[in-house]
Amino acid sequence: MNEVKFVPFDPSKFLEDDDAIAFYLEDAMDSGDARVIAGAIGDVARAKGMAELAAKSGLSRESLYRALSEDGNPRLDTLMKVLTALGIKLTVAPANTNAAE
């Protein structure tokens, strides 16, 4: 019988254009889970190049990896620097809830 080998899935390899990145981050935001959101931003950062992002944001690569992992807890100013360096605009919209009806 052939042995099946599994490798960890790396979403950063599939984030090739702005539409894919926007969809991926929107889905992470919809989760409402700060760890998922930070991890997704980290995936986008790796897709764009962590060294280039570090230079653009003024943050060290090490602090970016640490803050943008699913175990990280980045400060809002760190996230804003990262999003700005990535060319991503954070927007706000009303939540779709049935409670308001």
C-alpha atoms as a PDB file:
ATOM      1  CA  MET A   1       0.000   0.000   0.000  1.00  0.00           C
ATOM      2  CA  ASN A   2       1.291   3.470  -0.855  1.00  0.00           C
ATOM      3  CA  GLU A   3       1.955   5.790   2.021  1.00  0.00           C
ATOM      4  CA  VAL A   4       0.238   9.171   1.821  1.00  0.00           C
ATOM      5  CA  LYS A   5       2.254  12.170   2.942  1.00  0.00           C
ATOM      6  CA  PHE A   6       0.586  15.341   4.095  1.00  0.00           C
ATOM      7  CA  VAL A   7       2.192  18.756   4.120  1.00  0.00           C
ATOM      8  CA  PRO A   8       0.932  21.781   6.035  1.00  0.00           C
ATOM      9  CA  PHE A   9      -1.326  24.053   4.001  1.00  0.00           C
ATOM     10  CA  ASP A  10       0.135  27.513   3.423  1.00  0.00           C
ATOM     11  CA  PRO A  11      -2.510  29.986   2.233  1.00  0.00           C
ATOM     12  CA  SER A  12       0.136  32.605   1.431  1.00  0.00           C
ATOM     13  CA  LYS A  13       1.035  30.625  -1.690  1.00  0.00           C
ATOM     14  CA  PHE A  14      -2.458  31.258  -3.103  1.00  0.00           C
ATOM     15  CA  LEU A  15      -2.806  34.966  -2.327  1.00  0.00           C
ATOM     16  CA  GLU A  16      -1.625  36.136  -5.720  1.00  0.00           C
ATOM     17  CA  ASP A  17      -3.790  39.197  -6.423  1.00  0.00           C
ATOM     18  CA  ASP A  18      -5.657  41.974  -4.629  1.00  0.00           C
ATOM     19  CA  ASP A  19      -9.069  40.326  -5.094  1.00  0.00           C
ATOM     20  CA  ALA A  20      -7.911  37.063  -3.506  1.00  0.00           C
ATOM     21  CA  ILE A  21      -6.323  38.963  -0.631  1.00  0.00           C
ATOM     22  CA  ALA A  22      -9.453  41.064  -0.040  1.00  0.00           C
ATOM     23  CA  PHE A  23     -11.694  37.980  -0.078  1.00  0.00           C
ATOM     24  CA  TYR A  24      -9.368  36.114   2.295  1.00  0.00           C
ATOM     25  CA  LEU A  25      -9.179  39.000   4.782  1.00  0.00           C
ATOM     26  CA  GLU A  26     -12.926  39.624   4.605  1.00  0.00           C
ATOM     27  CA  ASP A  27     -13.552  35.987   5.462  1.00  0.00           C
ATOM     28  CA  ALA A  28     -11.126  36.220   8.398  1.00  0.00           C
ATOM     29  CA  MET A  29     -12.849  39.393   9.645  1.00  0.00           C
ATOM     30  CA  ASP A  30     -16.230  37.669   9.419  1.00  0.00           C
ATOM     31  CA  SER A  31     -14.957  35.049  11.850  1.00  0.00           C
ATOM     32  CA  GLY A  32     -14.790  37.682  14.592  1.00  0.00           C
ATOM     33  CA  ASP A  33     -11.786  35.845  16.039  1.00  0.00           C
ATOM     34  CA  ALA A  34      -8.792  38.114  16.651  1.00  0.00           C
ATOM     35  CA  ARG A  35      -6.367  35.183  16.333  1.00  0.00           C
ATOM     36  CA  VAL A  36      -7.786  34.200  12.948  1.00  0.00           C
ATOM     37  CA  ILE A  37      -7.629  37.815  11.754  1.00  0.00           C
ATOM     38  CA  ALA A  38      -4.019  38.280  12.892  1.00  0.00           C
ATOM     39  CA  GLY A  39      -3.062  34.962  11.296  1.00  0.00           C
ATOM     40  CA  ALA A  40      -4.738  35.935   8.010  1.00  0.00           C
ATOM     41  CA  ILE A  41      -2.927  39.288   7.940  1.00  0.00           C
ATOM     42  CA  GLY A  42       0.276  37.333   8.600  1.00  0.00           C
ATOM     43  CA  ASP A  43      -0.500  35.064   5.631  1.00  0.00           C
ATOM     44  CA  VAL A  44      -0.950  38.122   3.410  1.00  0.00           C
ATOM     45  CA  ALA A  45       2.277  39.607   4.764  1.00  0.00           C
ATOM     46  CA  ARG A  46       4.174  36.406   3.893  1.00  0.00           C
ATOM     47  CA  ALA A  47       2.586  36.378   0.433  1.00  0.00           C
ATOM     48  CA  LYS A  48       3.762  39.944  -0.207  1.00  0.00           C
ATOM     49  CA  GLY A  49       7.202  39.406   1.331  1.00  0.00           C
ATOM     50  CA  MET A  50       7.977  39.869   5.000  1.00  0.00           C
ATOM     51  CA  ALA A  51      11.323  41.618   4.437  1.00  0.00           C
ATOM     52  CA  GLU A  52       9.768  44.227   2.142  1.00  0.00           C
ATOM     53  CA  LEU A  53       6.867  44.686   4.563  1.00  0.00           C
ATOM     54  CA  ALA A  54       9.285  45.192   7.452  1.00  0.00           C
ATOM     55  CA  ALA A  55      11.078  47.916   5.519  1.00  0.00           C
ATOM     56  CA  LYS A  56       7.841  49.676   4.522  1.00  0.00           C
ATOM     57  CA  SER A  57       6.262  49.465   7.976  1.00  0.00           C
ATOM     58  CA  GLY A  58       9.330  50.316  10.042  1.00  0.00           C
ATOM     59  CA  LEU A  59       8.883  47.132  12.088  1.00  0.00           C
ATOM     60  CA  SER A  60      11.376  44.292  12.401  1.00  0.00           C
ATOM     61  CA  ARG A  61      10.737  40.990  10.615  1.00  0.00           C
ATOM     62  CA  GLU A  62      10.880  39.162  13.939  1.00  0.00           C
ATOM     63  CA  SER A  63       8.227  41.372  15.530  1.00  0.00           C
ATOM     64  CA  LEU A  64       6.035  40.995  12.445  1.00  0.00           C
ATOM     65  CA  TYR A  65       6.250  37.202  12.519  1.00  0.00           C
ATOM     66  CA  ARG A  66       5.487  37.186  16.244  1.00  0.00           C
ATOM     67  CA  ALA A  67       2.611  39.700  16.093  1.00  0.00           C
ATOM     68  CA  LEU A  68       0.970  38.241  12.988  1.00  0.00           C
ATOM     69  CA  SER A  69       0.918  34.619  14.033  1.00  0.00           C
ATOM     70  CA  GLU A  70      -2.276  32.997  15.274  1.00  0.00           C
ATOM     71  CA  ASP A  71      -0.694  33.086  18.742  1.00  0.00           C
ATOM     72  CA  GLY A  72       0.212  36.762  18.414  1.00  0.00           C
ATOM     73  CA  ASN A  73      -1.686  39.645  19.909  1.00  0.00           C
ATOM     74  CA  PRO A  74      -0.734  42.665  17.810  1.00  0.00           C
ATOM     75  CA  ARG A  75      -1.500  46.162  18.973  1.00  0.00           C
ATOM     76  CA  LEU A  76      -3.781  48.281  16.829  1.00  0.00           C
ATOM     77  CA  ASP A  77      -0.935  50.598  15.828  1.00  0.00           C
ATOM     78  CA  THR A  78       1.046  47.583  14.604  1.00  0.00           C
ATOM     79  CA  LEU A  79      -1.901  46.347  12.538  1.00  0.00           C
ATOM     80  CA  MET A  80      -2.424  49.794  11.043  1.00  0.00           C
ATOM     81  CA  LYS A  81       1.264  50.055  10.059  1.00  0.00           C
ATOM     82  CA  VAL A  82       1.096  46.600   8.471  1.00  0.00           C
ATOM     83  CA  LEU A  83      -2.148  47.259   6.611  1.00  0.00           C
ATOM     84  CA  THR A  84      -0.843  50.599   5.338  1.00  0.00           C
ATOM     85  CA  ALA A  85       2.403  48.987   4.165  1.00  0.00           C
ATOM     86  CA  LEU A  86       0.373  46.284   2.403  1.00  0.00           C
ATOM     87  CA  GLY A  87      -1.801  48.904   0.704  1.00  0.00           C
ATOM     88  CA  ILE A  88      -4.925  47.615   2.435  1.00  0.00           C
ATOM     89  CA  LYS A  89      -7.679  49.925   3.637  1.00  0.00           C
ATOM     90  CA  LEU A  90      -9.688  48.868   6.670  1.00  0.00           C
ATOM     91  CA  THR A  91     -13.361  49.824   6.369  1.00  0.00           C
ATOM     92  CA  VAL A  92     -16.360  49.534   8.657  1.00  0.00           C
ATOM     93  CA  ALA A  93     -19.919  48.533   7.789  1.00  0.00           C
ATOM     94  CA  PRO A  94     -22.987  47.803   9.885  1.00  0.00           C
ATOM     95  CA  ALA A  95     -23.314  44.186  10.962  1.00  0.00           C
ATOM     96  CA  ASN A  96     -26.177  42.305   9.357  1.00  0.00           C
ATOM     97  CA  THR A  97     -28.271  41.247  12.294  1.00  0.00           C
ATOM     98  CA  ASN A  98     -31.919  40.339  12.579  1.00  0.00           C
ATOM     99  CA  ALA A  99     -32.095  41.763  16.118  1.00  0.00           C
ATOM    100  CA  ALA A 100     -32.598  45.284  14.754  1.00  0.00           C
ATOM    101  CA  GLU A 101     -35.847  44.342  12.992  1.00  0.00           C
END
